[in-house]
């Protein structure tokens, strides 16, 4: 088991309070067919499910919430630094951040 550092936990707290709500606000402005493509890429391991993949994504979001996808698109390091997926940044609004190497 990996031990979380104080710095990493503080970063997750910051990301949840400062970035997550902006991400949800931005992503929910997209129509579901576009939102599906964005969420699928951020998820990184999404497998099409059932006859209607968009409906399957809606069910996933209903069950797991947007935070599950958000977490898959963020890497927090033990020193508290972090990398964020470009599509999370794109959907943060006018003041997104972007790391080409993600």
PDB file of N, CA and C in Angstrom:
ATOM      1  N   UNK A   1       0.846  -1.184   0.000  1.00  0.00           N
ATOM      2  CA  UNK A   1       0.000   0.000   0.000  1.00  0.00           C
ATOM      3  C   UNK A   1       0.886   1.241   0.000  1.00  0.00           C
ATOM      4  N   UNK A   2       0.544   2.188  -0.842  1.00  0.00           N
ATOM      5  CA  UNK A   2       1.303   3.430  -0.935  1.00  0.00           C
ATOM      6  C   UNK A   2       0.810   4.387   0.140  1.00  0.00           C
ATOM      7  N   UNK A   3       1.754   4.946   0.870  1.00  0.00           N
ATOM      8  CA  UNK A   3       1.394   5.903   1.912  1.00  0.00           C
ATOM      9  C   UNK A   3       1.248   7.287   1.292  1.00  0.00           C
ATOM     10  N   UNK A   4       0.109   7.910   1.554  1.00  0.00           N
ATOM     11  CA  UNK A   4      -0.107   9.263   1.043  1.00  0.00           C
ATOM     12  C   UNK A   4       0.617  10.260   1.943  1.00  0.00           C
ATOM     13  N   UNK A   5       1.196  11.241   1.320  1.00  0.00           N
ATOM     14  CA  UNK A   5       1.882  12.276   2.079  1.00  0.00           C
ATOM     15  C   UNK A   5       0.912  13.408   2.412  1.00  0.00           C
ATOM     16  N   UNK A   6       1.296  14.187   3.371  1.00  0.00           N
ATOM     17  CA  UNK A   6       0.492  15.363   3.735  1.00  0.00           C
ATOM     18  C   UNK A   6       0.367  16.297   2.535  1.00  0.00           C
ATOM     19  N   UNK A   7       1.462  16.465   1.808  1.00  0.00           N
ATOM     20  CA  UNK A   7       1.463  17.353   0.639  1.00  0.00           C
ATOM     21  C   UNK A   7       0.495  16.855  -0.432  1.00  0.00           C
ATOM     22  N   UNK A   8       0.503  15.547  -0.676  1.00  0.00           N
ATOM     23  CA  UNK A   8      -0.399  14.991  -1.687  1.00  0.00           C
ATOM     24  C   UNK A   8      -1.856  15.147  -1.262  1.00  0.00           C
ATOM     25  N   UNK A   9      -2.154  14.893  -0.011  1.00  0.00           N
ATOM     26  CA  UNK A   9      -3.529  15.048   0.486  1.00  0.00           C
ATOM     27  C   UNK A   9      -3.993  16.498   0.401  1.00  0.00           C
ATOM     28  N   UNK A  10      -3.100  17.431   0.729  1.00  0.00           N
ATOM     29  CA  UNK A  10      -3.455  18.851   0.626  1.00  0.00           C
ATOM     30  C   UNK A  10      -3.702  19.239  -0.831  1.00  0.00           C
ATOM     31  N   UNK A  11      -2.927  18.666  -1.757  1.00  0.00           N
ATOM     32  CA  UNK A  11      -3.135  18.951  -3.171  1.00  0.00           C
ATOM     33  C   UNK A  11      -4.486  18.419  -3.626  1.00  0.00           C
ATOM     34  N   UNK A  12      -4.838  17.185  -3.219  1.00  0.00           N
ATOM     35  CA  UNK A  12      -6.157  16.648  -3.579  1.00  0.00           C
ATOM     36  C   UNK A  12      -7.267  17.523  -3.023  1.00  0.00           C
ATOM     37  N   UNK A  13      -7.089  18.011  -1.818  1.00  0.00           N
ATOM     38  CA  UNK A  13      -8.099  18.904  -1.228  1.00  0.00           C
ATOM     39  C   UNK A  13      -8.220  20.179  -2.068  1.00  0.00           C
ATOM     40  N   UNK A  14      -7.089  20.740  -2.451  1.00  0.00           N
ATOM     41  CA  UNK A  14      -7.085  21.938  -3.288  1.00  0.00           C
ATOM     42  C   UNK A  14      -7.749  21.665  -4.641  1.00  0.00           C
ATOM     43  N   UNK A  15      -7.369  20.555  -5.290  1.00  0.00           N
ATOM     44  CA  UNK A  15      -7.941  20.230  -6.594  1.00  0.00           C
ATOM     45  C   UNK A  15      -9.446  20.030  -6.511  1.00  0.00           C
ATOM     46  N   UNK A  16      -9.888  19.378  -5.458  1.00  0.00           N
ATOM     47  CA  UNK A  16     -11.333  19.131  -5.301  1.00  0.00           C
ATOM     48  C   UNK A  16     -12.082  20.444  -5.118  1.00  0.00           C
ATOM     49  N   UNK A  17     -11.506  21.358  -4.345  1.00  0.00           N
ATOM     50  CA  UNK A  17     -12.221  22.613  -4.084  1.00  0.00           C
ATOM     51  C   UNK A  17     -12.069  23.634  -5.209  1.00  0.00           C
ATOM     52  N   UNK A  18     -10.912  23.686  -5.855  1.00  0.00           N
ATOM     53  CA  UNK A  18     -10.664  24.736  -6.839  1.00  0.00           C
ATOM     54  C   UNK A  18     -10.885  24.309  -8.292  1.00  0.00           C
ATOM     55  N   UNK A  19     -10.638  23.071  -8.617  1.00  0.00           N
ATOM     56  CA  UNK A  19     -10.682  22.643 -10.008  1.00  0.00           C
ATOM     57  C   UNK A  19     -11.889  21.763 -10.334  1.00  0.00           C
ATOM     58  N   UNK A  20     -12.260  20.880  -9.431  1.00  0.00           N
ATOM     59  CA  UNK A  20     -13.306  19.916  -9.745  1.00  0.00           C
ATOM     60  C   UNK A  20     -14.623  20.598 -10.103  1.00  0.00           C
ATOM     61  N   UNK A  21     -15.053  21.557  -9.322  1.00  0.00           N
ATOM     62  CA  UNK A  21     -16.345  22.210  -9.607  1.00  0.00           C
ATOM     63  C   UNK A  21     -16.302  22.948 -10.946  1.00  0.00           C
ATOM     64  N   UNK A  22     -15.172  23.543 -11.286  1.00  0.00           N
ATOM     65  CA  UNK A  22     -15.039  24.214 -12.582  1.00  0.00           C
ATOM     66  C   UNK A  22     -15.075  23.195 -13.719  1.00  0.00           C
ATOM     67  N   UNK A  23     -14.458  22.040 -13.496  1.00  0.00           N
ATOM     68  CA  UNK A  23     -14.492  20.974 -14.495  1.00  0.00           C
ATOM     69  C   UNK A  23     -15.932  20.510 -14.732  1.00  0.00           C
ATOM     70  N   UNK A  24     -16.669  20.258 -13.671  1.00  0.00           N
ATOM     71  CA  UNK A  24     -18.058  19.807 -13.817  1.00  0.00           C
ATOM     72  C   UNK A  24     -18.887  20.871 -14.523  1.00  0.00           C
ATOM     73  N   UNK A  25     -18.677  22.120 -14.152  1.00  0.00           N
ATOM     74  CA  UNK A  25     -19.415  23.202 -14.806  1.00  0.00           C
ATOM     75  C   UNK A  25     -19.112  23.235 -16.303  1.00  0.00           C
ATOM     76  N   UNK A  26     -17.858  23.060 -16.665  1.00  0.00           N
ATOM     77  CA  UNK A  26     -17.476  23.095 -18.076  1.00  0.00           C
ATOM     78  C   UNK A  26     -17.948  21.875 -18.847  1.00  0.00           C
ATOM     79  N   UNK A  27     -17.762  20.705 -18.271  1.00  0.00           N
ATOM     80  CA  UNK A  27     -18.097  19.472 -18.986  1.00  0.00           C
ATOM     81  C   UNK A  27     -19.604  19.333 -19.174  1.00  0.00           C
ATOM     82  N   UNK A  28     -20.384  19.816 -18.240  1.00  0.00           N
ATOM     83  CA  UNK A  28     -21.834  19.679 -18.365  1.00  0.00           C
ATOM     84  C   UNK A  28     -22.440  20.679 -19.344  1.00  0.00           C
ATOM     85  N   UNK A  29     -21.625  21.584 -19.864  1.00  0.00           N
ATOM     86  CA  UNK A  29     -22.086  22.487 -20.917  1.00  0.00           C
ATOM     87  C   UNK A  29     -22.074  21.803 -22.282  1.00  0.00           C
ATOM     88  N   UNK A  30     -21.334  20.697 -22.372  1.00  0.00           N
ATOM     89  CA  UNK A  30     -21.245  19.969 -23.648  1.00  0.00           C
ATOM     90  C   UNK A  30     -22.464  19.077 -23.832  1.00  0.00           C
ATOM     91  N   UNK A  31     -22.928  18.922 -25.078  1.00  0.00           N
ATOM     92  CA  UNK A  31     -23.975  17.929 -25.324  1.00  0.00           C
ATOM     93  C   UNK A  31     -23.396  16.535 -25.055  1.00  0.00           C
ATOM     94  N   UNK A  32     -24.261  15.585 -24.715  1.00  0.00           N
ATOM     95  CA  UNK A  32     -23.793  14.272 -24.277  1.00  0.00           C
ATOM     96  C   UNK A  32     -22.937  13.557 -25.309  1.00  0.00           C
ATOM     97  N   UNK A  33     -23.198  13.717 -26.595  1.00  0.00           N
ATOM     98  CA  UNK A  33     -22.367  13.009 -27.576  1.00  0.00           C
ATOM     99  C   UNK A  33     -20.917  13.511 -27.530  1.00  0.00           C
ATOM    100  N   UNK A  34     -20.711  14.808 -27.314  1.00  0.00           N
ATOM    101  CA  UNK A  34     -19.356  15.359 -27.173  1.00  0.00           C
ATOM    102  C   UNK A  34     -18.796  15.037 -25.794  1.00  0.00           C
ATOM    103  N   UNK A  35     -19.622  15.158 -24.777  1.00  0.00           N
ATOM    104  CA  UNK A  35     -19.199  14.885 -23.398  1.00  0.00           C
ATOM    105  C   UNK A  35     -18.700  13.447 -23.281  1.00  0.00           C
ATOM    106  N   UNK A  36     -19.397  12.532 -23.940  1.00  0.00           N
ATOM    107  CA  UNK A  36     -18.991  11.127 -23.919  1.00  0.00           C
ATOM    108  C   UNK A  36     -17.556  10.972 -24.413  1.00  0.00           C
ATOM    109  N   UNK A  37     -17.232  11.602 -25.551  1.00  0.00           N
ATOM    110  CA  UNK A  37     -15.882  11.487 -26.113  1.00  0.00           C
ATOM    111  C   UNK A  37     -14.826  12.043 -25.163  1.00  0.00           C
ATOM    112  N   UNK A  38     -15.108  13.165 -24.540  1.00  0.00           N
ATOM    113  CA  UNK A  38     -14.175  13.785 -23.596  1.00  0.00           C
ATOM    114  C   UNK A  38     -13.984  12.889 -22.375  1.00  0.00           C
ATOM    115  N   UNK A  39     -15.074  12.445 -21.782  1.00  0.00           N
ATOM    116  CA  UNK A  39     -14.995  11.613 -20.581  1.00  0.00           C
ATOM    117  C   UNK A  39     -14.316  10.283 -20.867  1.00  0.00           C
ATOM    118  N   UNK A  40     -14.589   9.708 -22.033  1.00  0.00           N
ATOM    119  CA  UNK A  40     -13.963   8.446 -22.431  1.00  0.00           C
ATOM    120  C   UNK A  40     -12.446   8.606 -22.510  1.00  0.00           C
ATOM    121  N   UNK A  41     -11.988   9.709 -23.088  1.00  0.00           N
ATOM    122  CA  UNK A  41     -10.542   9.916 -23.197  1.00  0.00           C
ATOM    123  C   UNK A  41      -9.908  10.178 -21.839  1.00  0.00           C
ATOM    124  N   UNK A  42     -10.548  10.978 -21.005  1.00  0.00           N
ATOM    125  CA  UNK A  42     -10.003  11.225 -19.671  1.00  0.00           C
ATOM    126  C   UNK A  42      -9.947   9.922 -18.880  1.00  0.00           C
ATOM    127  N   UNK A  43     -10.990   9.120 -18.960  1.00  0.00           N
ATOM    128  CA  UNK A  43     -11.033   7.837 -18.248  1.00  0.00           C
ATOM    129  C   UNK A  43      -9.831   6.980 -18.629  1.00  0.00           C
ATOM    130  N   UNK A  44      -9.531   6.939 -19.920  1.00  0.00           N
ATOM    131  CA  UNK A  44      -8.341   6.252 -20.399  1.00  0.00           C
ATOM    132  C   UNK A  44      -8.482   4.762 -20.612  1.00  0.00           C
ATOM    133  N   UNK A  45      -9.414   4.111 -19.945  1.00  0.00           N
ATOM    134  CA  UNK A  45      -9.583   2.666 -20.076  1.00  0.00           C
ATOM    135  C   UNK A  45     -11.036   2.311 -20.350  1.00  0.00           C
ATOM    136  N   UNK A  46     -11.796   3.267 -20.854  1.00  0.00           N
ATOM    137  CA  UNK A  46     -13.227   3.050 -21.069  1.00  0.00           C
ATOM    138  C   UNK A  46     -13.443   2.045 -22.189  1.00  0.00           C
ATOM    139  N   UNK A  47     -14.234   1.049 -21.905  1.00  0.00           N
ATOM    140  CA  UNK A  47     -14.634   0.046 -22.896  1.00  0.00           C
ATOM    141  C   UNK A  47     -16.103   0.298 -23.230  1.00  0.00           C
ATOM    142  N   UNK A  48     -16.460   0.322 -24.513  1.00  0.00           N
ATOM    143  CA  UNK A  48     -17.875   0.488 -24.860  1.00  0.00           C
ATOM    144  C   UNK A  48     -18.728  -0.580 -24.164  1.00  0.00           C
ATOM    145  N   UNK A  49     -19.848  -0.153 -23.621  1.00  0.00           N
ATOM    146  CA  UNK A  49     -20.709  -1.054 -22.858  1.00  0.00           C
ATOM    147  C   UNK A  49     -22.116  -1.000 -23.420  1.00  0.00           C
ATOM    148  N   UNK A  50     -22.658  -2.142 -23.738  1.00  0.00           N
ATOM    149  CA  UNK A  50     -24.030  -2.199 -24.203  1.00  0.00           C
ATOM    150  C   UNK A  50     -24.202  -1.637 -25.602  1.00  0.00           C
ATOM    151  N   UNK A  51     -25.462  -1.531 -25.982  1.00  0.00           N
ATOM    152  CA  UNK A  51     -25.789  -1.045 -27.321  1.00  0.00           C
ATOM    153  C   UNK A  51     -25.626   0.461 -27.448  1.00  0.00           C
ATOM    154  N   UNK A  52     -25.788   1.186 -26.351  1.00  0.00           N
ATOM    155  CA  UNK A  52     -25.693   2.645 -26.382  1.00  0.00           C
ATOM    156  C   UNK A  52     -24.580   3.096 -25.435  1.00  0.00           C
ATOM    157  N   UNK A  53     -23.369   3.358 -25.967  1.00  0.00           N
ATOM    158  CA  UNK A  53     -22.249   3.726 -25.100  1.00  0.00           C
ATOM    159  C   UNK A  53     -22.461   5.043 -24.353  1.00  0.00           C
ATOM    160  N   UNK A  54     -23.191   5.973 -24.945  1.00  0.00           N
ATOM    161  CA  UNK A  54     -23.459   7.246 -24.259  1.00  0.00           C
ATOM    162  C   UNK A  54     -24.329   6.999 -23.030  1.00  0.00           C
ATOM    163  N   UNK A  55     -25.358   6.181 -23.196  1.00  0.00           N
ATOM    164  CA  UNK A  55     -26.212   5.853 -22.054  1.00  0.00           C
ATOM    165  C   UNK A  55     -25.424   5.122 -20.972  1.00  0.00           C
ATOM    166  N   UNK A  56     -24.508   4.243 -21.375  1.00  0.00           N
ATOM    167  CA  UNK A  56     -23.662   3.545 -20.410  1.00  0.00           C
ATOM    168  C   UNK A  56     -22.792   4.531 -19.640  1.00  0.00           C
ATOM    169  N   UNK A  57     -22.280   5.557 -20.332  1.00  0.00           N
ATOM    170  CA  UNK A  57     -21.479   6.580 -19.650  1.00  0.00           C
ATOM    171  C   UNK A  57     -22.353   7.375 -18.681  1.00  0.00           C
ATOM    172  N   UNK A  58     -23.566   7.684 -19.086  1.00  0.00           N
ATOM    173  CA  UNK A  58     -24.487   8.394 -18.184  1.00  0.00           C
ATOM    174  C   UNK A  58     -24.707   7.577 -16.911  1.00  0.00           C
ATOM    175  N   UNK A  59     -24.908   6.275 -17.061  1.00  0.00           N
ATOM    176  CA  UNK A  59     -25.110   5.414 -15.896  1.00  0.00           C
ATOM    177  C   UNK A  59     -23.863   5.381 -15.017  1.00  0.00           C
ATOM    178  N   UNK A  60     -22.687   5.333 -15.643  1.00  0.00           N
ATOM    179  CA  UNK A  60     -21.426   5.346 -14.898  1.00  0.00           C
ATOM    180  C   UNK A  60     -21.300   6.632 -14.079  1.00  0.00           C
ATOM    181  N   UNK A  61     -21.586   7.752 -14.711  1.00  0.00           N
ATOM    182  CA  UNK A  61     -21.504   9.044 -14.019  1.00  0.00           C
ATOM    183  C   UNK A  61     -22.527   9.105 -12.896  1.00  0.00           C
ATOM    184  N   UNK A  62     -23.731   8.587 -13.126  1.00  0.00           N
ATOM    185  CA  UNK A  62     -24.761   8.576 -12.091  1.00  0.00           C
ATOM    186  C   UNK A  62     -24.295   7.757 -10.891  1.00  0.00           C
ATOM    187  N   UNK A  63     -23.659   6.618 -11.162  1.00  0.00           N
ATOM    188  CA  UNK A  63     -23.225   5.728 -10.089  1.00  0.00           C
ATOM    189  C   UNK A  63     -21.942   6.212  -9.412  1.00  0.00           C
ATOM    190  N   UNK A  64     -20.949   6.605 -10.192  1.00  0.00           N
ATOM    191  CA  UNK A  64     -19.617   6.928  -9.660  1.00  0.00           C
ATOM    192  C   UNK A  64     -19.380   8.419  -9.464  1.00  0.00           C
ATOM    193  N   UNK A  65     -20.145   9.260 -10.115  1.00  0.00           N
ATOM    194  CA  UNK A  65     -20.023  10.727 -10.153  1.00  0.00           C
ATOM    195  C   UNK A  65     -18.866  11.165 -11.062  1.00  0.00           C
ATOM    196  N   UNK A  66     -18.875  12.430 -11.397  1.00  0.00           N
ATOM    197  CA  UNK A  66     -17.820  12.994 -12.243  1.00  0.00           C
ATOM    198  C   UNK A  66     -16.464  12.940 -11.554  1.00  0.00           C
ATOM    199  N   UNK A  67     -16.452  12.873 -10.228  1.00  0.00           N
ATOM    200  CA  UNK A  67     -15.172  12.864  -9.518  1.00  0.00           C
ATOM    201  C   UNK A  67     -14.349  11.617  -9.865  1.00  0.00           C
ATOM    202  N   UNK A  68     -15.005  10.502 -10.139  1.00  0.00           N
ATOM    203  CA  UNK A  68     -14.274   9.290 -10.524  1.00  0.00           C
ATOM    204  C   UNK A  68     -13.493   9.526 -11.817  1.00  0.00           C
ATOM    205  N   UNK A  69     -14.107  10.194 -12.771  1.00  0.00           N
ATOM    206  CA  UNK A  69     -13.419  10.520 -14.034  1.00  0.00           C
ATOM    207  C   UNK A  69     -12.332  11.550 -13.770  1.00  0.00           C
ATOM    208  N   UNK A  70     -12.647  12.576 -12.995  1.00  0.00           N
ATOM    209  CA  UNK A  70     -11.683  13.621 -12.667  1.00  0.00           C
ATOM    210  C   UNK A  70     -10.417  12.994 -12.084  1.00  0.00           C
ATOM    211  N   UNK A  71     -10.576  12.072 -11.153  1.00  0.00           N
ATOM    212  CA  UNK A  71      -9.426  11.432 -10.504  1.00  0.00           C
ATOM    213  C   UNK A  71      -8.574  10.654 -11.496  1.00  0.00           C
ATOM    214  N   UNK A  72      -9.197  10.061 -12.506  1.00  0.00           N
ATOM    215  CA  UNK A  72      -8.440   9.318 -13.504  1.00  0.00           C
ATOM    216  C   UNK A  72      -7.602  10.255 -14.387  1.00  0.00           C
ATOM    217  N   UNK A  73      -7.958  11.520 -14.432  1.00  0.00           N
ATOM    218  CA  UNK A  73      -7.242  12.471 -15.258  1.00  0.00           C
ATOM    219  C   UNK A  73      -6.275  13.358 -14.491  1.00  0.00           C
ATOM    220  N   UNK A  74      -6.038  13.014 -13.245  1.00  0.00           N
ATOM    221  CA  UNK A  74      -5.121  13.801 -12.411  1.00  0.00           C
ATOM    222  C   UNK A  74      -4.103  12.857 -11.777  1.00  0.00           C
ATOM    223  N   UNK A  75      -2.851  13.274 -11.790  1.00  0.00           N
ATOM    224  CA  UNK A  75      -1.801  12.561 -11.073  1.00  0.00           C
ATOM    225  C   UNK A  75      -1.230  13.513 -10.036  1.00  0.00           C
ATOM    226  N   UNK A  76      -1.268  13.092  -8.780  1.00  0.00           N
ATOM    227  CA  UNK A  76      -0.694  13.890  -7.697  1.00  0.00           C
ATOM    228  C   UNK A  76       0.522  13.137  -7.175  1.00  0.00           C
ATOM    229  N   UNK A  77       1.636  13.842  -7.072  1.00  0.00           N
ATOM    230  CA  UNK A  77       2.884  13.243  -6.625  1.00  0.00           C
ATOM    231  C   UNK A  77       3.072  13.472  -5.132  1.00  0.00           C
ATOM    232  N   UNK A  78       3.962  12.699  -4.532  1.00  0.00           N
ATOM    233  CA  UNK A  78       4.155  12.755  -3.081  1.00  0.00           C
ATOM    234  C   UNK A  78       4.590  14.133  -2.586  1.00  0.00           C
ATOM    235  N   UNK A  79       5.246  14.918  -3.448  1.00  0.00           N
ATOM    236  CA  UNK A  79       5.667  16.263  -3.031  1.00  0.00           C
ATOM    237  C   UNK A  79       4.547  17.296  -3.166  1.00  0.00           C
ATOM    238  N   UNK A  80       3.380  16.851  -3.634  1.00  0.00           N
ATOM    239  CA  UNK A  80       2.234  17.751  -3.773  1.00  0.00           C
ATOM    240  C   UNK A  80       2.075  18.326  -5.168  1.00  0.00           C
ATOM    241  N   UNK A  81       3.050  18.133  -6.030  1.00  0.00           N
ATOM    242  CA  UNK A  81       2.899  18.619  -7.407  1.00  0.00           C
ATOM    243  C   UNK A  81       1.907  17.709  -8.123  1.00  0.00           C
ATOM    244  N   UNK A  82       1.378  18.192  -9.240  1.00  0.00           N
ATOM    245  CA  UNK A  82       0.378  17.400  -9.944  1.00  0.00           C
ATOM    246  C   UNK A  82       0.420  17.664 -11.435  1.00  0.00           C
ATOM    247  N   UNK A  83      -0.116  16.695 -12.186  1.00  0.00           N
ATOM    248  CA  UNK A  83      -0.321  16.822 -13.626  1.00  0.00           C
ATOM    249  C   UNK A  83      -1.807  16.623 -13.861  1.00  0.00           C
ATOM    250  N   UNK A  84      -2.321  17.349 -14.827  1.00  0.00           N
ATOM    251  CA  UNK A  84      -3.750  17.291 -15.112  1.00  0.00           C
ATOM    252  C   UNK A  84      -3.944  17.024 -16.606  1.00  0.00           C
ATOM    253  N   UNK A  85      -4.886  16.159 -16.925  1.00  0.00           N
ATOM    254  CA  UNK A  85      -5.171  15.793 -18.321  1.00  0.00           C
ATOM    255  C   UNK A  85      -5.581  17.044 -19.099  1.00  0.00           C
ATOM    256  N   UNK A  86      -5.136  17.121 -20.339  1.00  0.00           N
ATOM    257  CA  UNK A  86      -5.416  18.314 -21.154  1.00  0.00           C
ATOM    258  C   UNK A  86      -6.911  18.558 -21.323  1.00  0.00           C
ATOM    259  N   UNK A  87      -7.738  17.501 -21.347  1.00  0.00           N
ATOM    260  CA  UNK A  87      -9.171  17.702 -21.523  1.00  0.00           C
ATOM    261  C   UNK A  87      -9.851  18.156 -20.233  1.00  0.00           C
ATOM    262  N   UNK A  88      -9.246  17.892 -19.106  1.00  0.00           N
ATOM    263  CA  UNK A  88      -9.757  18.505 -17.865  1.00  0.00           C
ATOM    264  C   UNK A  88      -9.460  19.988 -17.935  1.00  0.00           C
ATOM    265  N   UNK A  89      -8.226  20.317 -18.284  1.00  0.00           N
ATOM    266  CA  UNK A  89      -7.847  21.725 -18.385  1.00  0.00           C
ATOM    267  C   UNK A  89      -8.721  22.479 -19.377  1.00  0.00           C
ATOM    268  N   UNK A  90      -8.956  21.876 -20.520  1.00  0.00           N
ATOM    269  CA  UNK A  90      -9.774  22.498 -21.552  1.00  0.00           C
ATOM    270  C   UNK A  90     -11.172  22.822 -21.040  1.00  0.00           C
ATOM    271  N   UNK A  91     -11.669  22.018 -20.131  1.00  0.00           N
ATOM    272  CA  UNK A  91     -13.025  22.203 -19.625  1.00  0.00           C
ATOM    273  C   UNK A  91     -13.084  22.915 -18.283  1.00  0.00           C
ATOM    274  N   UNK A  92     -11.999  23.590 -17.908  1.00  0.00           N
ATOM    275  CA  UNK A  92     -11.992  24.381 -16.670  1.00  0.00           C
ATOM    276  C   UNK A  92     -12.529  25.786 -16.886  1.00  0.00           C
ATOM    277  N   UNK A  93     -12.784  26.150 -18.106  1.00  0.00           N
ATOM    278  CA  UNK A  93     -13.239  27.506 -18.385  1.00  0.00           C
ATOM    279  C   UNK A  93     -12.110  28.317 -18.979  1.00  0.00           C
ATOM    280  N   UNK A  94     -12.188  29.610 -18.833  1.00  0.00           N
ATOM    281  CA  UNK A  94     -11.239  30.517 -19.471  1.00  0.00           C
ATOM    282  C   UNK A  94      -9.836  30.431 -18.884  1.00  0.00           C
ATOM    283  N   UNK A  95      -9.697  29.922 -17.674  1.00  0.00           N
ATOM    284  CA  UNK A  95      -8.393  29.896 -17.016  1.00  0.00           C
ATOM    285  C   UNK A  95      -7.978  28.452 -16.754  1.00  0.00           C
ATOM    286  N   UNK A  96      -7.850  27.670 -17.813  1.00  0.00           N
ATOM    287  CA  UNK A  96      -7.412  26.295 -17.659  1.00  0.00           C
ATOM    288  C   UNK A  96      -5.905  26.217 -17.545  1.00  0.00           C
ATOM    289  N   UNK A  97      -5.410  25.064 -17.149  1.00  0.00           N
ATOM    290  CA  UNK A  97      -3.965  24.810 -17.155  1.00  0.00           C
ATOM    291  C   UNK A  97      -3.757  23.591 -18.015  1.00  0.00           C
ATOM    292  N   UNK A  98      -2.584  23.476 -18.585  1.00  0.00           N
ATOM    293  CA  UNK A  98      -2.371  22.403 -19.539  1.00  0.00           C
ATOM    294  C   UNK A  98      -0.925  21.950 -19.505  1.00  0.00           C
ATOM    295  N   UNK A  99      -0.740  20.659 -19.431  1.00  0.00           N
ATOM    296  CA  UNK A  99       0.594  20.064 -19.432  1.00  0.00           C
ATOM    297  C   UNK A  99       0.676  19.144 -20.641  1.00  0.00           C
ATOM    298  N   UNK A 100       1.502  19.507 -21.625  1.00  0.00           N
ATOM    299  CA  UNK A 100       1.629  18.740 -22.868  1.00  0.00           C
ATOM    300  C   UNK A 100       2.053  17.298 -22.631  1.00  0.00           C
ATOM    301  N   UNK A 101       2.770  17.032 -21.536  1.00  0.00           N
ATOM    302  CA  UNK A 101       3.326  15.703 -21.331  1.00  0.00           C
ATOM    303  C   UNK A 101       2.348  14.711 -20.734  1.00  0.00           C
ATOM    304  N   UNK A 102       1.120  15.121 -20.385  1.00  0.00           N
ATOM    305  CA  UNK A 102       0.178  14.182 -19.758  1.00  0.00           C
ATOM    306  C   UNK A 102      -0.290  13.158 -20.738  1.00  0.00           C
TER     307      UNK A 102
END
